[in-house]
Protein backbone atom coordinates (compact mmCIF):
# COMPACT_ATOMS: atom_id res chain seq x y z
CA MET A 1 15.71 -32.06 81.32
CA TYR A 2 12.16 -33.24 81.70
CA LYS A 3 10.34 -35.03 84.48
CA ILE A 4 6.95 -36.68 84.70
CA VAL A 5 4.69 -35.25 87.37
CA GLU A 6 1.31 -36.27 88.73
CA TYR A 7 -1.39 -33.71 89.23
CA LYS A 8 -5.05 -33.89 90.20
CA HIS A 9 -7.84 -32.27 88.30
CA GLU A 10 -10.02 -29.82 90.16
CA SER A 11 -12.68 -32.54 90.59
CA ASN A 12 -10.09 -34.76 92.30
CA GLU A 13 -11.51 -37.66 90.30
CA LYS A 14 -8.63 -38.14 87.91
CA ILE A 15 -4.89 -38.20 88.22
CA ALA A 16 -2.99 -37.30 85.07
CA LEU A 17 0.65 -37.46 84.12
CA ARG A 18 2.44 -34.80 82.16
CA SER A 19 6.01 -33.89 81.45
CA THR A 20 7.46 -30.65 82.63
CA LEU A 21 10.88 -29.08 82.80
CA TYR A 22 12.98 -29.57 85.89
CA THR A 23 13.85 -26.49 87.85
CA TYR A 24 17.55 -25.65 87.78
CA GLU A 25 17.99 -27.10 91.27
CA GLU A 26 16.17 -30.32 90.38
CA ALA A 27 18.19 -30.71 87.20
CA GLN A 28 21.44 -30.17 89.09
CA ARG A 29 20.41 -32.75 91.70
CA ALA A 30 19.53 -35.25 88.93
CA MET A 31 22.88 -34.66 87.21
CA ASP A 32 24.69 -35.12 90.54
CA ASN A 33 22.83 -38.40 91.10
CA ILE A 34 23.83 -39.62 87.65
CA ALA A 35 27.46 -38.66 88.26
CA ASN A 36 27.43 -40.48 91.62
CA TYR A 37 25.92 -43.58 90.05
CA ARG A 38 28.54 -43.58 87.27
CA LYS A 39 31.24 -43.33 89.93
CA GLU A 40 29.72 -46.22 91.92
CA ILE A 41 29.68 -48.56 88.93
CA GLY A 42 33.00 -47.37 87.53
CA VAL A 43 31.79 -45.92 84.26
CA GLN A 44 33.57 -42.91 82.80
CA ALA A 45 31.46 -40.20 81.18
CA ARG A 46 32.14 -39.75 77.50
CA ASN A 47 30.83 -37.75 74.60
CA ILE A 48 28.58 -39.82 72.36
CA HIS A 49 28.32 -38.68 68.76
CA ASP A 50 24.91 -38.54 67.09
CA SER A 51 26.00 -41.25 64.65
CA GLU A 52 26.59 -43.72 67.50
CA ILE A 53 23.12 -43.07 68.88
CA ILE A 54 21.61 -43.69 65.45
CA GLU A 55 23.69 -46.85 64.99
CA ARG A 56 22.64 -48.24 68.35
CA LEU A 57 18.97 -47.68 67.54
CA ILE A 58 18.95 -48.82 63.91
CA TYR A 59 21.38 -51.71 64.34
CA ALA A 60 19.20 -53.08 67.15
CA MET A 61 16.25 -53.04 64.71
CA ILE A 62 18.33 -54.76 62.05
CA ASN A 63 19.56 -57.40 64.49
CA GLU A 64 16.04 -58.08 65.73
CA GLY A 65 14.77 -58.20 62.16
CA ALA A 66 17.35 -60.88 61.38
CA ALA A 67 16.22 -62.85 64.44
CA ILE A 68 12.60 -62.59 63.28
CA LEU A 69 13.61 -63.95 59.87
CA GLU A 70 15.57 -66.76 61.45
CA GLU A 71 12.63 -67.73 63.66
CA GLY A 72 10.29 -67.75 60.66
CA ILE A 73 8.06 -65.01 62.08
CA ALA A 74 8.63 -63.00 58.90
CA LEU A 75 9.20 -64.62 55.53
CA ARG A 76 11.33 -61.95 53.87
CA ALA A 77 13.43 -58.99 54.96
CA SER A 78 11.38 -56.84 52.60
CA ASP A 79 8.27 -57.73 54.66
CA ILE A 80 9.98 -56.30 57.74
CA ASP A 81 10.88 -53.17 55.77
CA MET A 82 7.24 -52.71 54.73
CA VAL A 83 6.10 -52.91 58.35
CA TYR A 84 8.61 -50.26 59.39
CA LEU A 85 7.88 -48.03 56.40
CA THR A 86 4.09 -48.14 56.59
CA GLY A 87 3.49 -48.78 60.28
CA TYR A 88 6.29 -47.09 62.18
CA GLY A 89 7.28 -44.18 59.96
CA PHE A 90 10.79 -45.37 59.15
CA PRO A 91 12.25 -42.87 56.64
CA ALA A 92 11.16 -44.01 53.18
CA TYR A 93 14.35 -42.78 51.56
CA ARG A 94 16.23 -45.35 53.67
CA GLY A 95 14.02 -48.16 52.37
CA GLY A 96 13.44 -49.81 55.75
CA PRO A 97 15.96 -51.10 58.29
CA MET A 98 16.81 -54.29 56.40
CA PHE A 99 17.34 -52.48 53.09
CA TYR A 100 19.38 -49.87 54.93
CA ALA A 101 21.55 -52.66 56.36
CA ASN A 102 22.19 -53.89 52.83
CA THR A 103 23.29 -50.42 51.72
CA ILE A 104 25.78 -49.92 54.54
CA GLY A 105 26.97 -53.53 54.59
CA LEU A 106 26.05 -56.31 56.97
CA ASP A 107 29.71 -56.66 57.92
CA LYS A 108 29.67 -53.08 59.23
CA VAL A 109 26.52 -53.78 61.26
CA VAL A 110 28.04 -56.95 62.75
CA ALA A 111 31.32 -55.20 63.57
CA ALA A 112 29.45 -52.38 65.34
CA ILE A 113 27.30 -54.80 67.34
CA LYS A 114 30.40 -56.72 68.41
CA GLY A 115 31.84 -53.38 69.55
CA PHE A 116 28.67 -52.61 71.52
CA GLN A 117 28.98 -56.02 73.19
CA LYS A 118 32.29 -54.91 74.67
CA GLY A 119 30.85 -51.72 76.17
CA TYR A 120 28.62 -50.87 79.10
CA GLN A 121 25.85 -53.47 79.47
CA GLY A 122 27.18 -55.23 76.38
CA GLY A 123 25.39 -58.41 77.36
CA VAL A 124 22.11 -57.04 76.00
CA TRP A 125 23.54 -57.23 72.48
CA LYS A 126 22.86 -60.80 71.34
CA LEU A 127 24.06 -61.00 67.75
CA SER A 128 21.63 -62.78 65.45
CA PRO A 129 23.27 -65.90 63.99
CA LEU A 130 21.59 -65.20 60.64
CA LEU A 131 23.00 -61.68 60.51
CA GLU A 132 26.45 -62.93 61.43
CA LYS A 133 26.25 -65.74 58.83
CA LEU A 134 25.11 -63.45 55.99
CA ALA A 135 27.85 -60.95 56.84
CA ALA A 136 30.53 -63.65 56.95
CA GLU A 137 29.42 -64.94 53.54
CA GLY A 138 29.38 -61.43 52.06
CA LYS A 139 25.64 -61.70 51.42
CA THR A 140 22.76 -59.33 51.98
CA PHE A 141 19.15 -59.61 53.09
CA ALA A 142 18.25 -59.30 49.40
CA ASP A 143 20.18 -62.53 48.84
CA PHE A 144 18.21 -64.10 51.70
CA ASP A 145 14.92 -62.89 50.16
CA ALA A 146 15.87 -64.28 46.74
CA LYS A 147 15.83 -67.80 48.23
CA LYS A 148 12.20 -67.41 49.35
């Protein structure tokens, strides 16, 4: 586990932040605090598979991309993919988040988001109406782009 600590330079003019490892005692205290908080709010600890972590991150990008399309901020899904590929380092072999959504199926993305809505802090998952509509019609973002 890491923590952020403040330290002063020898000149005492600047304060900098850096991350450092917790000591064993600090880490244990942090883990105890987390366990106590979970108990207070009634959340059971569970193992989370790597695939769920990836889905939560990527599906949030896909959902937000759909919202951006719906709002007219971006014209095409492929424009969003280009931003992620060239500006954010999204893995090129995946083709961008919107292309990736097409390859796995928008219905799968929608089903997963609806599942996330039922979990802890599910209210933060606001499903994009465009994403839900395309999935229900069996369409893809490529189909959406073709209309532009």
